[in-house]
Amino acid sequence: MKAVRSILINPHERSVREVSVSTGNDRWRTELRQMIGAECLDVVQVPEDAFGVNGLFLMIDDEGLFKSKQGYTQCGDLVIAGPMLLCAECQLKDEGEEEEEEEDWLGDVTIDIDQVFEKLRFISAEQAAEILEAQKALAARLYREQGFNVEFLGDSLASPFFVTRKEQP
């Protein structure tokens, strides 16, 4: 079992702190869920320009936008509901080196907490709604401009939309 350095971002507390995540055992997924208060985990790739580092991702609550009384964090174009864990991919081994175990894909985050804190913005539910609605509207407009039909399935922030090809005459 090994432990890797990750960063816990908590918009409720408006805090950013270093945490250690155990890997290589059967309990690591449970530990991650407990850290961020999630039943269902999702992974979001962090664009390189967000922190100037490649290979970062966020472990988030996949159902975060469905929960009430969430705190929100903005990082570049990403808006995330609830606590999240900033993680790094494990560096690939050179040819001929022993293969990693399945759970050893997690590596140490190499940026420091101050760098992370500088790039984040803790925002209100109203600000999150405004940003997310603008992003949905932009995506829908771009699809429509390319000749697709767009159908929204509800009016909440978490509501998905379907994109289908317009029928040709």
Protein backbone atom coordinates (compact mmCIF):
# COMPACT_ATOMS: atom_id res chain seq x y z
CA MET A 1 0.00 0.00 0.00
CA LYS A 2 1.28 3.46 -0.83
CA ALA A 3 0.03 6.94 -0.05
CA VAL A 4 0.02 9.78 -2.56
CA ARG A 5 -0.21 13.53 -2.06
CA SER A 6 -3.50 15.07 -3.21
CA ILE A 7 -5.26 18.35 -2.52
CA LEU A 8 -8.75 18.55 -1.00
CA ILE A 9 -10.76 21.58 -2.11
CA ASN A 10 -13.79 22.30 0.05
CA PRO A 11 -16.04 25.20 -1.01
CA HIS A 12 -18.19 24.88 2.13
CA GLU A 13 -15.17 25.72 4.29
CA ARG A 14 -13.51 27.77 1.53
CA SER A 15 -10.40 25.73 2.18
CA VAL A 16 -7.62 24.07 0.24
CA ARG A 17 -5.47 21.52 2.08
CA GLU A 18 -3.07 18.71 1.43
CA VAL A 19 -4.28 15.18 2.10
CA SER A 20 -2.80 11.74 1.76
CA VAL A 21 -4.69 9.15 -0.29
CA SER A 22 -3.93 5.46 0.21
CA THR A 23 -3.73 3.33 -2.91
CA GLY A 24 -3.05 -0.32 -3.51
CA ASN A 25 -5.82 -1.62 -1.25
CA ASP A 26 -9.50 -2.36 -1.71
CA ARG A 27 -10.62 0.56 0.46
CA TRP A 28 -9.20 3.49 -1.54
CA ARG A 29 -12.46 4.18 -3.41
CA THR A 30 -14.39 4.22 -0.13
CA GLU A 31 -11.84 6.61 1.38
CA LEU A 32 -12.17 8.95 -1.61
CA ARG A 33 -15.98 8.93 -1.38
CA GLN A 34 -15.78 9.77 2.33
CA MET A 35 -13.30 12.60 1.76
CA ILE A 36 -15.58 14.39 -0.67
CA GLY A 37 -18.93 13.16 0.66
CA ALA A 38 -19.96 11.34 -2.51
CA GLU A 39 -21.79 8.11 -3.21
CA CYS A 40 -20.84 8.18 -6.88
CA LEU A 41 -17.39 9.38 -7.96
CA ASP A 42 -16.59 10.98 -11.29
CA VAL A 43 -13.27 12.03 -12.78
CA VAL A 44 -12.84 15.37 -14.55
CA GLN A 45 -9.66 16.05 -16.51
CA VAL A 46 -8.16 19.43 -15.59
CA PRO A 47 -7.03 21.43 -18.63
CA GLU A 48 -3.29 22.08 -18.57
CA ASP A 49 -3.82 25.84 -18.65
CA ALA A 50 -5.77 25.74 -15.37
CA PHE A 51 -2.64 25.19 -13.24
CA GLY A 52 0.12 25.06 -15.84
CA VAL A 53 0.61 21.35 -15.17
CA ASN A 54 -0.41 18.39 -17.31
CA GLY A 55 -1.89 15.15 -15.92
CA LEU A 56 -4.14 16.59 -13.20
CA PHE A 57 -7.72 15.55 -12.62
CA LEU A 58 -10.48 16.13 -10.10
CA MET A 59 -12.36 13.42 -8.25
CA ILE A 60 -15.83 14.89 -7.78
CA ASP A 61 -19.29 13.93 -6.60
CA ASP A 62 -21.07 12.85 -9.79
CA GLU A 63 -24.38 13.85 -8.20
CA GLY A 64 -23.14 17.18 -6.83
CA LEU A 65 -25.34 19.39 -8.98
CA PHE A 66 -28.44 17.47 -7.83
CA LYS A 67 -27.80 18.19 -4.13
CA SER A 68 -29.11 21.25 -2.38
CA LYS A 69 -26.97 23.51 -0.20
CA GLN A 70 -23.78 22.88 -2.15
CA GLY A 71 -20.74 25.09 -2.22
CA TYR A 72 -19.33 25.83 -5.66
CA THR A 73 -15.82 26.28 -6.98
CA GLN A 74 -14.76 27.75 -10.30
CA CYS A 75 -11.46 26.75 -11.83
CA GLY A 76 -11.05 28.25 -15.29
CA ASP A 77 -14.12 27.15 -17.24
CA LEU A 78 -14.97 24.37 -14.78
CA VAL A 79 -17.67 24.85 -12.15
CA ILE A 80 -17.80 22.04 -9.61
CA ALA A 81 -20.42 21.50 -6.91
CA GLY A 82 -19.22 20.30 -3.51
CA PRO A 83 -15.84 19.16 -2.23
CA MET A 84 -13.35 17.72 -4.69
CA LEU A 85 -9.96 16.08 -4.67
CA LEU A 86 -7.19 17.29 -6.98
CA CYS A 87 -5.13 14.29 -8.04
CA ALA A 88 -2.33 13.50 -10.47
CA GLU A 89 -1.80 10.62 -12.85
CA CYS A 90 1.08 8.34 -12.06
CA GLN A 91 4.06 8.85 -14.35
CA LEU A 92 4.37 6.08 -16.89
CA LYS A 93 7.19 3.65 -16.27
CA ASP A 94 10.00 3.20 -18.76
CA GLU A 95 9.95 0.17 -20.99
CA GLY A 96 11.18 -2.91 -19.16
CA GLU A 97 10.17 -1.69 -15.69
CA GLU A 98 7.66 -3.64 -13.65
CA GLU A 99 4.01 -2.84 -14.42
CA GLU A 100 1.92 -0.88 -11.92
CA GLU A 101 -0.90 -2.47 -10.00
CA GLU A 102 -4.37 -1.40 -11.15
CA GLU A 103 -4.83 0.88 -8.12
CA ASP A 104 -1.42 2.52 -8.56
CA TRP A 105 -2.49 4.87 -11.34
CA LEU A 106 -2.66 7.71 -8.80
CA GLY A 107 0.47 9.82 -8.39
CA ASP A 108 1.60 12.73 -6.21
CA VAL A 109 0.31 16.22 -7.01
CA THR A 110 3.43 18.31 -7.52
CA ILE A 111 1.99 21.82 -7.34
CA ASP A 112 1.65 23.53 -3.98
CA ILE A 113 -1.48 24.65 -2.20
CA ASP A 114 -0.83 28.35 -2.84
CA GLN A 115 -0.76 27.73 -6.62
CA VAL A 116 -4.09 25.90 -6.36
CA PHE A 117 -5.67 28.57 -4.15
CA GLU A 118 -4.62 31.33 -6.58
CA LYS A 119 -6.44 29.66 -9.49
CA LEU A 120 -9.70 28.86 -7.68
CA ARG A 121 -12.69 31.02 -7.01
CA PHE A 122 -15.31 29.98 -4.47
CA ILE A 123 -18.65 31.16 -5.86
CA SER A 124 -22.27 31.36 -4.78
CA ALA A 125 -25.07 29.16 -6.10
CA GLU A 126 -26.34 32.14 -8.09
CA GLN A 127 -22.94 32.70 -9.73
CA ALA A 128 -22.65 28.98 -10.51
CA ALA A 129 -26.10 28.96 -12.08
CA GLU A 130 -25.26 31.98 -14.23
CA ILE A 131 -22.00 30.44 -15.48
CA LEU A 132 -23.48 26.99 -16.12
CA GLU A 133 -26.54 28.38 -17.90
CA ALA A 134 -24.29 30.49 -20.14
CA GLN A 135 -22.18 27.42 -20.94
CA LYS A 136 -25.27 25.34 -21.78
CA ALA A 137 -26.65 28.12 -23.97
CA LEU A 138 -23.33 28.46 -25.81
CA ALA A 139 -23.07 24.71 -26.39
CA ALA A 140 -26.66 24.57 -27.65
CA ARG A 141 -26.10 27.53 -29.99
CA LEU A 142 -22.92 25.97 -31.43
CA TYR A 143 -24.71 22.67 -32.06
CA ARG A 144 -27.66 24.44 -33.69
CA GLU A 145 -25.29 26.45 -35.93
CA GLN A 146 -23.90 23.14 -37.16
CA GLY A 147 -27.37 21.91 -38.09
CA PHE A 148 -28.27 19.83 -35.03
CA ASN A 149 -31.46 19.75 -32.97
CA VAL A 150 -31.00 20.46 -29.27
CA GLU A 151 -33.56 19.36 -26.69
CA PHE A 152 -33.22 20.30 -23.03
CA LEU A 153 -34.51 17.75 -20.51
CA GLY A 154 -35.49 19.94 -17.58
CA ASP A 155 -34.45 23.30 -16.29
CA SER A 156 -32.04 22.46 -13.47
CA LEU A 157 -28.29 22.98 -13.77
CA ALA A 158 -27.80 19.24 -13.89
CA SER A 159 -30.35 18.69 -16.64
CA PRO A 160 -28.80 17.13 -19.70
CA PHE A 161 -29.67 17.93 -23.24
CA PHE A 162 -29.89 15.71 -26.30
CA VAL A 163 -28.28 16.60 -29.58
CA THR A 164 -29.62 14.93 -32.71
CA ARG A 165 -29.05 15.45 -36.42
CA LYS A 166 -31.72 17.39 -38.25
CA GLU A 167 -33.51 15.29 -40.83
CA GLN A 168 -32.44 16.08 -44.36
CA PRO A 169 -35.29 16.91 -46.81
